[in-house]
PDB file of N, CA and C in Angstrom:
ATOM      1  N   MET A   1       0.844  -1.173   0.000  1.00  0.00           N
ATOM      2  CA  MET A   1       0.000   0.000   0.000  1.00  0.00           C
ATOM      3  C   MET A   1       0.889   1.236   0.000  1.00  0.00           C
ATOM      4  N   ASN A   2       0.607   2.150  -0.880  1.00  0.00           N
ATOM      5  CA  ASN A   2       1.328   3.413  -0.936  1.00  0.00           C
ATOM      6  C   ASN A   2       0.480   4.494  -0.255  1.00  0.00           C
ATOM      7  N   VAL A   3       0.986   5.056   0.837  1.00  0.00           N
ATOM      8  CA  VAL A   3       0.237   6.023   1.634  1.00  0.00           C
ATOM      9  C   VAL A   3      -0.202   7.215   0.795  1.00  0.00           C
ATOM     10  N   ASN A   4       0.682   7.763  -0.017  1.00  0.00           N
ATOM     11  CA  ASN A   4       0.324   8.935  -0.827  1.00  0.00           C
ATOM     12  C   ASN A   4      -0.813   8.634  -1.787  1.00  0.00           C
ATOM     13  N   GLU A   5      -0.781   7.472  -2.431  1.00  0.00           N
ATOM     14  CA  GLU A   5      -1.838   7.114  -3.384  1.00  0.00           C
ATOM     15  C   GLU A   5      -3.181   6.935  -2.681  1.00  0.00           C
ATOM     16  N   VAL A   6      -3.193   6.199  -1.570  1.00  0.00           N
ATOM     17  CA  VAL A   6      -4.440   5.964  -0.854  1.00  0.00           C
ATOM     18  C   VAL A   6      -4.965   7.266  -0.269  1.00  0.00           C
ATOM     19  N   PHE A   7      -4.081   8.084   0.311  1.00  0.00           N
ATOM     20  CA  PHE A   7      -4.500   9.356   0.901  1.00  0.00           C
ATOM     21  C   PHE A   7      -5.111  10.265  -0.153  1.00  0.00           C
ATOM     22  N   SER A   8      -4.518  10.313  -1.340  1.00  0.00           N
ATOM     23  CA  SER A   8      -5.052  11.187  -2.388  1.00  0.00           C
ATOM     24  C   SER A   8      -6.381  10.676  -2.932  1.00  0.00           C
ATOM     25  N   SER A   9      -6.663   9.389  -2.749  1.00  0.00           N
ATOM     26  CA  SER A   9      -7.928   8.842  -3.246  1.00  0.00           C
ATOM     27  C   SER A   9      -9.072   8.983  -2.246  1.00  0.00           C
ATOM     28  N   LEU A  10      -8.768   9.414  -1.010  1.00  0.00           N
ATOM     29  CA  LEU A  10      -9.827   9.628  -0.032  1.00  0.00           C
ATOM     30  C   LEU A  10     -10.757  10.730  -0.519  1.00  0.00           C
ATOM     31  N   THR A  11     -12.026  10.507  -0.341  1.00  0.00           N
ATOM     32  CA  THR A  11     -13.002  11.490  -0.808  1.00  0.00           C
ATOM     33  C   THR A  11     -13.537  12.349   0.336  1.00  0.00           C
ATOM     34  N   ARG A  12     -12.841  12.371   1.445  1.00  0.00           N
ATOM     35  CA  ARG A  12     -13.288  13.149   2.598  1.00  0.00           C
ATOM     36  C   ARG A  12     -12.815  14.594   2.433  1.00  0.00           C
ATOM     37  N   PRO A  13     -13.734  15.507   2.205  1.00  0.00           N
ATOM     38  CA  PRO A  13     -13.325  16.896   1.995  1.00  0.00           C
ATOM     39  C   PRO A  13     -12.700  17.534   3.223  1.00  0.00           C
ATOM     40  N   ASN A  14     -12.958  16.996   4.397  1.00  0.00           N
ATOM     41  CA  ASN A  14     -12.409  17.589   5.613  1.00  0.00           C
ATOM     42  C   ASN A  14     -10.941  17.252   5.838  1.00  0.00           C
ATOM     43  N   PHE A  15     -10.398  16.351   5.041  1.00  0.00           N
ATOM     44  CA  PHE A  15      -8.974  16.042   5.132  1.00  0.00           C
ATOM     45  C   PHE A  15      -8.216  16.858   4.102  1.00  0.00           C
ATOM     46  N   ASP A  16      -8.403  18.139   4.126  1.00  0.00           N
ATOM     47  CA  ASP A  16      -7.751  19.046   3.200  1.00  0.00           C
ATOM     48  C   ASP A  16      -6.390  19.439   3.767  1.00  0.00           C
ATOM     49  N   ILE A  17      -5.470  18.487   3.746  1.00  0.00           N
ATOM     50  CA  ILE A  17      -4.137  18.719   4.289  1.00  0.00           C
ATOM     51  C   ILE A  17      -3.102  18.173   3.320  1.00  0.00           C
ATOM     52  N   ILE A  18      -1.918  18.687   3.444  1.00  0.00           N
ATOM     53  CA  ILE A  18      -0.785  18.181   2.668  1.00  0.00           C
ATOM     54  C   ILE A  18       0.178  17.556   3.669  1.00  0.00           C
ATOM     55  N   LEU A  19       0.453  16.285   3.472  1.00  0.00           N
ATOM     56  CA  LEU A  19       1.337  15.574   4.391  1.00  0.00           C
ATOM     57  C   LEU A  19       2.803  15.903   4.100  1.00  0.00           C
ATOM     58  N   LYS A  20       3.550  16.085   5.167  1.00  0.00           N
ATOM     59  CA  LYS A  20       4.991  16.303   5.057  1.00  0.00           C
ATOM     60  C   LYS A  20       5.681  14.948   4.883  1.00  0.00           C
ATOM     61  N   LYS A  21       6.881  14.964   4.320  1.00  0.00           N
ATOM     62  CA  LYS A  21       7.616  13.726   4.063  1.00  0.00           C
ATOM     63  C   LYS A  21       7.766  12.888   5.336  1.00  0.00           C
ATOM     64  N   GLU A  22       8.082  13.529   6.448  1.00  0.00           N
ATOM     65  CA  GLU A  22       8.282  12.809   7.706  1.00  0.00           C
ATOM     66  C   GLU A  22       6.987  12.140   8.173  1.00  0.00           C
ATOM     67  N   GLN A  23       5.853  12.811   7.956  1.00  0.00           N
ATOM     68  CA  GLN A  23       4.562  12.221   8.316  1.00  0.00           C
ATOM     69  C   GLN A  23       4.278  11.008   7.432  1.00  0.00           C
ATOM     70  N   VAL A  24       4.512  11.150   6.139  1.00  0.00           N
ATOM     71  CA  VAL A  24       4.288  10.042   5.205  1.00  0.00           C
ATOM     72  C   VAL A  24       5.170   8.857   5.591  1.00  0.00           C
ATOM     73  N   ASP A  25       6.439   9.129   5.915  1.00  0.00           N
ATOM     74  CA  ASP A  25       7.356   8.044   6.301  1.00  0.00           C
ATOM     75  C   ASP A  25       6.848   7.297   7.530  1.00  0.00           C
ATOM     76  N   MET A  26       6.377   8.044   8.538  1.00  0.00           N
ATOM     77  CA  MET A  26       5.859   7.397   9.755  1.00  0.00           C
ATOM     78  C   MET A  26       4.591   6.608   9.456  1.00  0.00           C
ATOM     79  N   ILE A  27       3.664   7.199   8.716  1.00  0.00           N
ATOM     80  CA  ILE A  27       2.396   6.529   8.395  1.00  0.00           C
ATOM     81  C   ILE A  27       2.645   5.293   7.549  1.00  0.00           C
ATOM     82  N   GLN A  28       3.545   5.399   6.573  1.00  0.00           N
ATOM     83  CA  GLN A  28       3.870   4.250   5.723  1.00  0.00           C
ATOM     84  C   GLN A  28       4.444   3.118   6.564  1.00  0.00           C
ATOM     85  N   SER A  29       5.329   3.442   7.501  1.00  0.00           N
ATOM     86  CA  SER A  29       5.930   2.433   8.362  1.00  0.00           C
ATOM     87  C   SER A  29       4.868   1.734   9.209  1.00  0.00           C
ATOM     88  N   ILE A  30       3.934   2.507   9.760  1.00  0.00           N
ATOM     89  CA  ILE A  30       2.855   1.923  10.561  1.00  0.00           C
ATOM     90  C   ILE A  30       1.970   1.032   9.695  1.00  0.00           C
ATOM     91  N   CYS A  31       1.596   1.526   8.522  1.00  0.00           N
ATOM     92  CA  CYS A  31       0.730   0.743   7.624  1.00  0.00           C
ATOM     93  C   CYS A  31       1.422  -0.521   7.120  1.00  0.00           C
ATOM     94  N   ASP A  32       2.740  -0.490   7.071  1.00  0.00           N
ATOM     95  CA  ASP A  32       3.511  -1.682   6.683  1.00  0.00           C
ATOM     96  C   ASP A  32       3.754  -2.616   7.862  1.00  0.00           C
ATOM     97  N   LYS A  33       3.092  -2.320   9.010  1.00  0.00           N
ATOM     98  CA  LYS A  33       3.118  -3.145  10.218  1.00  0.00           C
ATOM     99  C   LYS A  33       4.493  -3.211  10.881  1.00  0.00           C
ATOM    100  N   HIS A  34       5.224  -2.095  10.821  1.00  0.00           N
ATOM    101  CA  HIS A  34       6.503  -1.987  11.513  1.00  0.00           C
ATOM    102  C   HIS A  34       6.301  -1.215  12.810  1.00  0.00           C
ATOM    103  N   HIS A  35       7.039  -1.600  13.835  1.00  0.00           N
ATOM    104  CA  HIS A  35       7.072  -0.783  15.041  1.00  0.00           C
ATOM    105  C   HIS A  35       7.680   0.547  14.630  1.00  0.00           C
ATOM    106  N   THR A  36       7.052   1.628  15.018  1.00  0.00           N
ATOM    107  CA  THR A  36       7.481   2.940  14.543  1.00  0.00           C
ATOM    108  C   THR A  36       7.638   3.901  15.704  1.00  0.00           C
ATOM    109  N   PHE A  37       8.753   4.594  15.718  1.00  0.00           N
ATOM    110  CA  PHE A  37       9.033   5.600  16.738  1.00  0.00           C
ATOM    111  C   PHE A  37       9.375   6.880  16.005  1.00  0.00           C
ATOM    112  N   GLY A  38       8.610   7.920  16.254  1.00  0.00           N
ATOM    113  CA  GLY A  38       8.859   9.179  15.558  1.00  0.00           C
ATOM    114  C   GLY A  38       9.075  10.318  16.536  1.00  0.00           C
ATOM    115  N   ILE A  39      10.099  11.084  16.298  1.00  0.00           N
ATOM    116  CA  ILE A  39      10.352  12.290  17.086  1.00  0.00           C
ATOM    117  C   ILE A  39      10.254  13.467  16.134  1.00  0.00           C
ATOM    118  N   LEU A  40       9.247  14.292  16.365  1.00  0.00           N
ATOM    119  CA  LEU A  40       9.034  15.466  15.520  1.00  0.00           C
ATOM    120  C   LEU A  40       8.794  16.665  16.422  1.00  0.00           C
ATOM    121  N   PRO A  41       9.076  17.862  15.934  1.00  0.00           N
ATOM    122  CA  PRO A  41       8.899  19.048  16.780  1.00  0.00           C
ATOM    123  C   PRO A  41       7.432  19.330  17.098  1.00  0.00           C
ATOM    124  N   THR A  42       7.215  20.096  18.154  1.00  0.00           N
ATOM    125  CA  THR A  42       5.873  20.526  18.542  1.00  0.00           C
ATOM    126  C   THR A  42       5.207  21.242  17.370  1.00  0.00           C
ATOM    127  N   GLY A  43       3.949  20.906  17.122  1.00  0.00           N
ATOM    128  CA  GLY A  43       3.197  21.543  16.057  1.00  0.00           C
ATOM    129  C   GLY A  43       3.445  20.969  14.676  1.00  0.00           C
ATOM    130  N   PHE A  44       4.207  19.891  14.568  1.00  0.00           N
ATOM    131  CA  PHE A  44       4.567  19.310  13.275  1.00  0.00           C
ATOM    132  C   PHE A  44       3.459  18.431  12.700  1.00  0.00           C
ATOM    133  N   GLY A  45       2.550  17.975  13.552  1.00  0.00           N
ATOM    134  CA  GLY A  45       1.471  17.118  13.075  1.00  0.00           C
ATOM    135  C   GLY A  45       1.681  15.650  13.377  1.00  0.00           C
ATOM    136  N   LYS A  46       2.257  15.373  14.537  1.00  0.00           N
ATOM    137  CA  LYS A  46       2.489  13.973  14.918  1.00  0.00           C
ATOM    138  C   LYS A  46       1.195  13.190  15.041  1.00  0.00           C
ATOM    139  N   SER A  47       0.125  13.859  15.466  1.00  0.00           N
ATOM    140  CA  SER A  47      -1.130  13.145  15.679  1.00  0.00           C
ATOM    141  C   SER A  47      -1.639  12.488  14.395  1.00  0.00           C
ATOM    142  N   LEU A  48      -1.302  13.041  13.241  1.00  0.00           N
ATOM    143  CA  LEU A  48      -1.721  12.409  11.987  1.00  0.00           C
ATOM    144  C   LEU A  48      -1.117  11.024  11.827  1.00  0.00           C
ATOM    145  N   SER A  49       0.030  10.786  12.475  1.00  0.00           N
ATOM    146  CA  SER A  49       0.679   9.479  12.337  1.00  0.00           C
ATOM    147  C   SER A  49      -0.102   8.370  13.014  1.00  0.00           C
ATOM    148  N   TYR A  50      -0.988   8.697  13.954  1.00  0.00           N
ATOM    149  CA  TYR A  50      -1.831   7.655  14.536  1.00  0.00           C
ATOM    150  C   TYR A  50      -3.293   7.793  14.136  1.00  0.00           C
ATOM    151  N   ILE A  51      -3.686   8.941  13.632  1.00  0.00           N
ATOM    152  CA  ILE A  51      -5.064   9.121  13.175  1.00  0.00           C
ATOM    153  C   ILE A  51      -5.266   8.494  11.795  1.00  0.00           C
ATOM    154  N   LEU A  52      -4.336   8.725  10.893  1.00  0.00           N
ATOM    155  CA  LEU A  52      -4.534   8.305   9.509  1.00  0.00           C
ATOM    156  C   LEU A  52      -4.365   6.813   9.220  1.00  0.00           C
ATOM    157  N   PRO A  53      -3.470   6.060   9.886  1.00  0.00           N
ATOM    158  CA  PRO A  53      -3.347   4.644   9.510  1.00  0.00           C
ATOM    159  C   PRO A  53      -4.656   3.849   9.516  1.00  0.00           C
ATOM    160  N   PRO A  54      -5.493   3.898  10.577  1.00  0.00           N
ATOM    161  CA  PRO A  54      -6.733   3.117  10.476  1.00  0.00           C
ATOM    162  C   PRO A  54      -7.682   3.633   9.387  1.00  0.00           C
ATOM    163  N   VAL A  55      -7.694   4.930   9.160  1.00  0.00           N
ATOM    164  CA  VAL A  55      -8.543   5.500   8.110  1.00  0.00           C
ATOM    165  C   VAL A  55      -8.069   5.038   6.741  1.00  0.00           C
ATOM    166  N   LEU A  56      -6.769   5.118   6.503  1.00  0.00           N
ATOM    167  CA  LEU A  56      -6.208   4.694   5.219  1.00  0.00           C
ATOM    168  C   LEU A  56      -6.360   3.195   5.001  1.00  0.00           C
ATOM    169  N   LEU A  57      -6.084   2.414   6.045  1.00  0.00           N
ATOM    170  CA  LEU A  57      -6.199   0.967   5.910  1.00  0.00           C
ATOM    171  C   LEU A  57      -7.642   0.527   5.681  1.00  0.00           C
ATOM    172  N   ASP A  58      -8.609   1.177   6.340  1.00  0.00           N
ATOM    173  CA  ASP A  58     -10.021   0.870   6.079  1.00  0.00           C
ATOM    174  C   ASP A  58     -10.390   1.181   4.633  1.00  0.00           C
ATOM    175  N   HIS A  59      -9.846   2.278   4.115  1.00  0.00           N
ATOM    176  CA  HIS A  59     -10.124   2.680   2.731  1.00  0.00           C
ATOM    177  C   HIS A  59      -9.474   1.717   1.736  1.00  0.00           C
ATOM    178  N   TYR A  60      -8.284   1.230   2.074  1.00  0.00           N
ATOM    179  CA  TYR A  60      -7.517   0.358   1.181  1.00  0.00           C
ATOM    180  C   TYR A  60      -7.964  -1.099   1.248  1.00  0.00           C
ATOM    181  N   ASP A  61      -8.255  -1.573   2.455  1.00  0.00           N
ATOM    182  CA  ASP A  61      -8.585  -2.978   2.680  1.00  0.00           C
ATOM    183  C   ASP A  61      -9.930  -3.079   3.400  1.00  0.00           C
ATOM    184  N   HIS A  62     -10.973  -3.363   2.647  1.00  0.00           N
ATOM    185  CA  HIS A  62     -12.324  -3.421   3.210  1.00  0.00           C
ATOM    186  C   HIS A  62     -12.631  -4.755   3.893  1.00  0.00           C
ATOM    187  N   SER A  63     -11.690  -5.697   3.863  1.00  0.00           N
ATOM    188  CA  SER A  63     -11.978  -7.032   4.388  1.00  0.00           C
ATOM    189  C   SER A  63     -12.000  -7.090   5.913  1.00  0.00           C
ATOM    190  N   LYS A  64     -11.436  -6.083   6.562  1.00  0.00           N
ATOM    191  CA  LYS A  64     -11.456  -6.069   8.023  1.00  0.00           C
ATOM    192  C   LYS A  64     -11.429  -4.633   8.525  1.00  0.00           C
ATOM    193  N   ARG A  65     -11.768  -4.484   9.792  1.00  0.00           N
ATOM    194  CA  ARG A  65     -11.815  -3.167  10.441  1.00  0.00           C
ATOM    195  C   ARG A  65     -10.452  -2.860  11.049  1.00  0.00           C
ATOM    196  N   HIS A  66      -9.969  -1.668  10.837  1.00  0.00           N
ATOM    197  CA  HIS A  66      -8.683  -1.249  11.386  1.00  0.00           C
ATOM    198  C   HIS A  66      -8.913  -0.174  12.436  1.00  0.00           C
ATOM    199  N   TYR A  67      -8.155  -0.232  13.502  1.00  0.00           N
ATOM    200  CA  TYR A  67      -8.299   0.765  14.555  1.00  0.00           C
ATOM    201  C   TYR A  67      -6.962   0.980  15.252  1.00  0.00           C
ATOM    202  N   ALA A  68      -6.905   2.083  16.007  1.00  0.00           N
ATOM    203  CA  ALA A  68      -5.705   2.398  16.777  1.00  0.00           C
ATOM    204  C   ALA A  68      -6.108   2.707  18.205  1.00  0.00           C
ATOM    205  N   LEU A  69      -5.304   2.242  19.137  1.00  0.00           N
ATOM    206  CA  LEU A  69      -5.449   2.583  20.535  1.00  0.00           C
ATOM    207  C   LEU A  69      -4.292   3.509  20.871  1.00  0.00           C
ATOM    208  N   VAL A  70      -4.615   4.728  21.272  1.00  0.00           N
ATOM    209  CA  VAL A  70      -3.605   5.737  21.575  1.00  0.00           C
ATOM    210  C   VAL A  70      -3.619   5.995  23.076  1.00  0.00           C
ATOM    211  N   ILE A  71      -2.468   5.869  23.692  1.00  0.00           N
ATOM    212  CA  ILE A  71      -2.330   6.160  25.117  1.00  0.00           C
ATOM    213  C   ILE A  71      -1.494   7.429  25.217  1.00  0.00           C
ATOM    214  N   SER A  72      -2.095   8.456  25.791  1.00  0.00           N
ATOM    215  CA  SER A  72      -1.461   9.771  25.799  1.00  0.00           C
ATOM    216  C   SER A  72      -1.526  10.403  27.183  1.00  0.00           C
ATOM    217  N   PRO A  73      -0.479  11.127  27.568  1.00  0.00           N
ATOM    218  CA  PRO A  73      -0.529  11.859  28.834  1.00  0.00           C
ATOM    219  C   PRO A  73      -1.240  13.208  28.708  1.00  0.00           C
ATOM    220  N   LEU A  74      -1.676  13.566  27.511  1.00  0.00           N
ATOM    221  CA  LEU A  74      -2.291  14.867  27.253  1.00  0.00           C
ATOM    222  C   LEU A  74      -3.806  14.784  27.363  1.00  0.00           C
ATOM    223  N   ASN A  75      -4.300  14.521  28.554  1.00  0.00           N
ATOM    224  CA  ASN A  75      -5.728  14.310  28.786  1.00  0.00           C
ATOM    225  C   ASN A  75      -6.573  15.505  28.367  1.00  0.00           C
ATOM    226  N   ALA A  76      -6.099  16.718  28.597  1.00  0.00           N
ATOM    227  CA  ALA A  76      -6.887  17.914  28.295  1.00  0.00           C
ATOM    228  C   ALA A  76      -7.184  18.056  26.808  1.00  0.00           C
ATOM    229  N   LEU A  77      -6.327  17.547  25.954  1.00  0.00           N
ATOM    230  CA  LEU A  77      -6.516  17.711  24.517  1.00  0.00           C
ATOM    231  C   LEU A  77      -7.344  16.601  23.869  1.00  0.00           C
ATOM    232  N   MET A  78      -7.517  15.495  24.567  1.00  0.00           N
ATOM    233  CA  MET A  78      -8.133  14.324  23.940  1.00  0.00           C
ATOM    234  C   MET A  78      -9.604  14.515  23.591  1.00  0.00           C
ATOM    235  N   GLU A  79     -10.390  15.120  24.475  1.00  0.00           N
ATOM    236  CA  GLU A  79     -11.814  15.354  24.188  1.00  0.00           C
ATOM    237  C   GLU A  79     -11.978  16.219  22.946  1.00  0.00           C
ATOM    238  N   ASP A  80     -11.196  17.313  22.878  1.00  0.00           N
ATOM    239  CA  ASP A  80     -11.268  18.201  21.720  1.00  0.00           C
ATOM    240  C   ASP A  80     -10.869  17.463  20.449  1.00  0.00           C
ATOM    241  N   GLN A  81      -9.848  16.639  20.538  1.00  0.00           N
ATOM    242  CA  GLN A  81      -9.390  15.907  19.365  1.00  0.00           C
ATOM    243  C   GLN A  81     -10.463  14.918  18.890  1.00  0.00           C
ATOM    244  N   CYS A  82     -11.123  14.236  19.821  1.00  0.00           N
ATOM    245  CA  CYS A  82     -12.189  13.301  19.447  1.00  0.00           C
ATOM    246  C   CYS A  82     -13.338  14.035  18.770  1.00  0.00           C
ATOM    247  N   SER A  83     -13.719  15.184  19.284  1.00  0.00           N
ATOM    248  CA  SER A  83     -14.797  15.971  18.679  1.00  0.00           C
ATOM    249  C   SER A  83     -14.410  16.437  17.280  1.00  0.00           C
ATOM    250  N   SER A  84     -13.193  16.913  17.152  1.00  0.00           N
ATOM    251  CA  SER A  84     -12.711  17.373  15.850  1.00  0.00           C
ATOM    252  C   SER A  84     -12.686  16.234  14.829  1.00  0.00           C
ATOM    253  N   LEU A  85     -12.231  15.058  15.263  1.00  0.00           N
ATOM    254  CA  LEU A  85     -12.172  13.908  14.358  1.00  0.00           C
ATOM    255  C   LEU A  85     -13.569  13.465  13.935  1.00  0.00           C
ATOM    256  N   ALA A  86     -14.517  13.504  14.859  1.00  0.00           N
ATOM    257  CA  ALA A  86     -15.893  13.128  14.528  1.00  0.00           C
ATOM    258  C   ALA A  86     -16.441  14.032  13.424  1.00  0.00           C
ATOM    259  N   SER A  87     -16.096  15.307  13.459  1.00  0.00           N
ATOM    260  CA  SER A  87     -16.569  16.229  12.418  1.00  0.00           C
ATOM    261  C   SER A  87     -15.937  15.931  11.065  1.00  0.00           C
ATOM    262  N   LYS A  88     -14.839  15.170  11.071  1.00  0.00           N
ATOM    263  CA  LYS A  88     -14.166  14.782   9.833  1.00  0.00           C
ATOM    264  C   LYS A  88     -14.556  13.374   9.382  1.00  0.00           C
ATOM    265  N   GLY A  89     -15.489  12.753  10.100  1.00  0.00           N
ATOM    266  CA  GLY A  89     -15.941  11.425   9.717  1.00  0.00           C
ATOM    267  C   GLY A  89     -15.139  10.279  10.293  1.00  0.00           C
ATOM    268  N   VAL A  90     -14.254  10.557  11.249  1.00  0.00           N
ATOM    269  CA  VAL A  90     -13.464   9.506  11.895  1.00  0.00           C
ATOM    270  C   VAL A  90     -14.160   9.133  13.195  1.00  0.00           C
ATOM    271  N   GLN A  91     -14.447   7.850  13.373  1.00  0.00           N
ATOM    272  CA  GLN A  91     -15.098   7.392  14.597  1.00  0.00           C
ATOM    273  C   GLN A  91     -14.042   7.303  15.690  1.00  0.00           C
ATOM    274  N   ALA A  92     -14.104   8.265  16.624  1.00  0.00           N
ATOM    275  CA  ALA A  92     -13.111   8.323  17.696  1.00  0.00           C
ATOM    276  C   ALA A  92     -13.814   8.420  19.039  1.00  0.00           C
ATOM    277  N   VAL A  93     -13.180   7.873  20.067  1.00  0.00           N
ATOM    278  CA  VAL A  93     -13.739   7.945  21.411  1.00  0.00           C
ATOM    279  C   VAL A  93     -12.620   8.210  22.406  1.00  0.00           C
ATOM    280  N   HIS A  94     -12.933   9.020  23.390  1.00  0.00           N
ATOM    281  CA  HIS A  94     -12.031   9.242  24.523  1.00  0.00           C
ATOM    282  C   HIS A  94     -12.454   8.236  25.584  1.00  0.00           C
ATOM    283  N   ILE A  95     -11.643   7.266  25.829  1.00  0.00           N
ATOM    284  CA  ILE A  95     -11.988   6.178  26.752  1.00  0.00           C
ATOM    285  C   ILE A  95     -11.811   6.653  28.192  1.00  0.00           C
ATOM    286  N   THR A  96     -12.911   6.622  28.929  1.00  0.00           N
ATOM    287  CA  THR A  96     -12.863   7.003  30.341  1.00  0.00           C
ATOM    288  C   THR A  96     -13.431   5.911  31.237  1.00  0.00           C
ATOM    289  N   ARG A  97     -14.038   4.890  30.606  1.00  0.00           N
ATOM    290  CA  ARG A  97     -14.659   3.813  31.385  1.00  0.00           C
ATOM    291  C   ARG A  97     -14.360   2.478  30.717  1.00  0.00           C
ATOM    292  N   GLN A  98     -14.467   1.417  31.477  1.00  0.00           N
ATOM    293  CA  GLN A  98     -14.274   0.076  30.936  1.00  0.00           C
ATOM    294  C   GLN A  98     -15.238  -0.194  29.784  1.00  0.00           C
ATOM    295  N   GLU A  99     -16.470   0.325  29.891  1.00  0.00           N
ATOM    296  CA  GLU A  99     -17.478   0.105  28.847  1.00  0.00           C
ATOM    297  C   GLU A  99     -17.044   0.702  27.512  1.00  0.00           C
ATOM    298  N   ASP A 100     -16.386   1.862  27.552  1.00  0.00           N
ATOM    299  CA  ASP A 100     -15.881   2.473  26.317  1.00  0.00           C
ATOM    300  C   ASP A 100     -14.856   1.567  25.655  1.00  0.00           C
ATOM    301  N   MET A 101     -13.965   1.010  26.469  1.00  0.00           N
ATOM    302  CA  MET A 101     -12.936   0.115  25.952  1.00  0.00           C
ATOM    303  C   MET A 101     -13.568  -1.140  25.365  1.00  0.00           C
ATOM    304  N   ASP A 102     -14.510  -1.736  26.101  1.00  0.00           N
ATOM    305  CA  ASP A 102     -15.180  -2.946  25.624  1.00  0.00           C
ATOM    306  C   ASP A 102     -15.895  -2.701  24.304  1.00  0.00           C
ATOM    307  N   GLU A 103     -16.656  -1.606  24.241  1.00  0.00           N
ATOM    308  CA  GLU A 103     -17.412  -1.299  23.024  1.00  0.00           C
ATOM    309  C   GLU A 103     -16.482  -1.044  21.849  1.00  0.00           C
ATOM    310  N   GLY A 104     -15.425  -0.296  22.097  1.00  0.00           N
ATOM    311  CA  GLY A 104     -14.497   0.035  21.020  1.00  0.00           C
ATOM    312  C   GLY A 104     -13.791  -1.174  20.457  1.00  0.00           C
ATOM    313  N   VAL A 105     -13.368  -2.070  21.329  1.00  0.00           N
ATOM    314  CA  VAL A 105     -12.592  -3.231  20.890  1.00  0.00           C
ATOM    315  C   VAL A 105     -13.489  -4.352  20.380  1.00  0.00           C
ATOM    316  N   THR A 106     -14.535  -4.684  21.122  1.00  0.00           N
ATOM    317  CA  THR A 106     -15.336  -5.853  20.740  1.00  0.00           C
ATOM    318  C   THR A 106     -16.280  -5.595  19.570  1.00  0.00           C
ATOM    319  N   THR A 107     -16.811  -4.394  19.457  1.00  0.00           N
ATOM    320  CA  THR A 107     -17.754  -4.135  18.365  1.00  0.00           C
ATOM    321  C   THR A 107     -17.103  -3.466  17.169  1.00  0.00           C
ATOM    322  N   GLY A 108     -15.900  -2.942  17.342  1.00  0.00           N
ATOM    323  CA  GLY A 108     -15.252  -2.233  16.241  1.00  0.00           C
ATOM    324  C   GLY A 108     -15.931  -0.918  15.917  1.00  0.00           C
ATOM    325  N   ALA A 109     -16.585  -0.328  16.916  1.00  0.00           N
ATOM    326  CA  ALA A 109     -17.347   0.899  16.697  1.00  0.00           C
ATOM    327  C   ALA A 109     -16.461   2.101  16.387  1.00  0.00           C
ATOM    328  N   TYR A 110     -15.205   2.042  16.781  1.00  0.00           N
ATOM    329  CA  TYR A 110     -14.332   3.203  16.637  1.00  0.00           C
ATOM    330  C   TYR A 110     -13.081   2.870  15.842  1.00  0.00           C
ATOM    331  N   GLN A 111     -12.609   3.830  15.074  1.00  0.00           N
ATOM    332  CA  GLN A 111     -11.334   3.690  14.379  1.00  0.00           C
ATOM    333  C   GLN A 111     -10.189   4.125  15.286  1.00  0.00           C
ATOM    334  N   LEU A 112     -10.502   5.043  16.194  1.00  0.00           N
ATOM    335  CA  LEU A 112      -9.473   5.584  17.061  1.00  0.00           C
ATOM    336  C   LEU A 112      -9.989   5.634  18.487  1.00  0.00           C
ATOM    337  N   MET A 113      -9.269   4.981  19.382  1.00  0.00           N
ATOM    338  CA  MET A 113      -9.608   4.994  20.799  1.00  0.00           C
ATOM    339  C   MET A 113      -8.452   5.657  21.531  1.00  0.00           C
ATOM    340  N   ILE A 114      -8.747   6.754  22.232  1.00  0.00           N
ATOM    341  CA  ILE A 114      -7.712   7.520  22.905  1.00  0.00           C
ATOM    342  C   ILE A 114      -7.970   7.466  24.403  1.00  0.00           C
ATOM    343  N   CYS A 115      -6.947   7.155  25.166  1.00  0.00           N
ATOM    344  CA  CYS A 115      -7.115   7.181  26.618  1.00  0.00           C
ATOM    345  C   CYS A 115      -5.909   7.785  27.297  1.00  0.00           C
ATOM    346  N   TYR A 116      -6.172   8.380  28.435  1.00  0.00           N
ATOM    347  CA  TYR A 116      -5.158   8.966  29.288  1.00  0.00           C
ATOM    348  C   TYR A 116      -4.354   7.829  29.898  1.00  0.00           C
ATOM    349  N   ASP A 117      -3.053   7.994  30.003  1.00  0.00           N
ATOM    350  CA  ASP A 117      -2.211   6.891  30.453  1.00  0.00           C
ATOM    351  C   ASP A 117      -2.632   6.329  31.809  1.00  0.00           C
ATOM    352  N   LYS A 118      -3.150   7.130  32.706  1.00  0.00           N
ATOM    353  CA  LYS A 118      -3.583   6.629  34.017  1.00  0.00           C
ATOM    354  C   LYS A 118      -4.885   5.857  33.930  1.00  0.00           C
ATOM    355  N   GLU A 119      -5.670   6.086  32.875  1.00  0.00           N
ATOM    356  CA  GLU A 119      -6.931   5.349  32.709  1.00  0.00           C
ATOM    357  C   GLU A 119      -6.699   3.920  32.256  1.00  0.00           C
ATOM    358  N   VAL A 120      -5.559   3.644  31.688  1.00  0.00           N
ATOM    359  CA  VAL A 120      -5.239   2.283  31.235  1.00  0.00           C
ATOM    360  C   VAL A 120      -5.301   1.339  32.425  1.00  0.00           C
ATOM    361  N   TYR A 121      -4.855   1.772  33.572  1.00  0.00           N
ATOM    362  CA  TYR A 121      -4.845   0.919  34.751  1.00  0.00           C
ATOM    363  C   TYR A 121      -6.241   0.657  35.296  1.00  0.00           C
ATOM    364  N   THR A 122      -7.182   1.594  35.092  1.00  0.00           N
ATOM    365  CA  THR A 122      -8.520   1.416  35.626  1.00  0.00           C
ATOM    366  C   THR A 122      -9.455   0.743  34.640  1.00  0.00           C
ATOM    367  N   CYS A 123      -9.124   0.808  33.364  1.00  0.00           N
ATOM    368  CA  CYS A 123      -9.973   0.137  32.356  1.00  0.00           C
ATOM    369  C   CYS A 123      -9.463  -1.258  32.220  1.00  0.00           C
TER     370      CYS A 123
END
């Protein structure tokens, strides 16, 4: 799968962005099922590296559901990010309860599940 080709074929008008080479490299590595570690400066768009892989893979391979579980220490930003993603057609949830985790994983209701690192221990 070529990330640039699949990304350009997306028909979602809300993804009106141009990916930087470093973002494409990280997303391609993730989509190729490699463990990926990326260090990019603040404001560079690191979040796209975990938002886009399940979206691109769902678009490319319809045979199964793709999703990402993101564990982040930035709890204050997660609710806003989930709301913003929903407006772009990405099914995202901020996991705060065990039920959110169960629903997201067992039913495949979400492409992106984001939780605060301390919530991992309680869910």
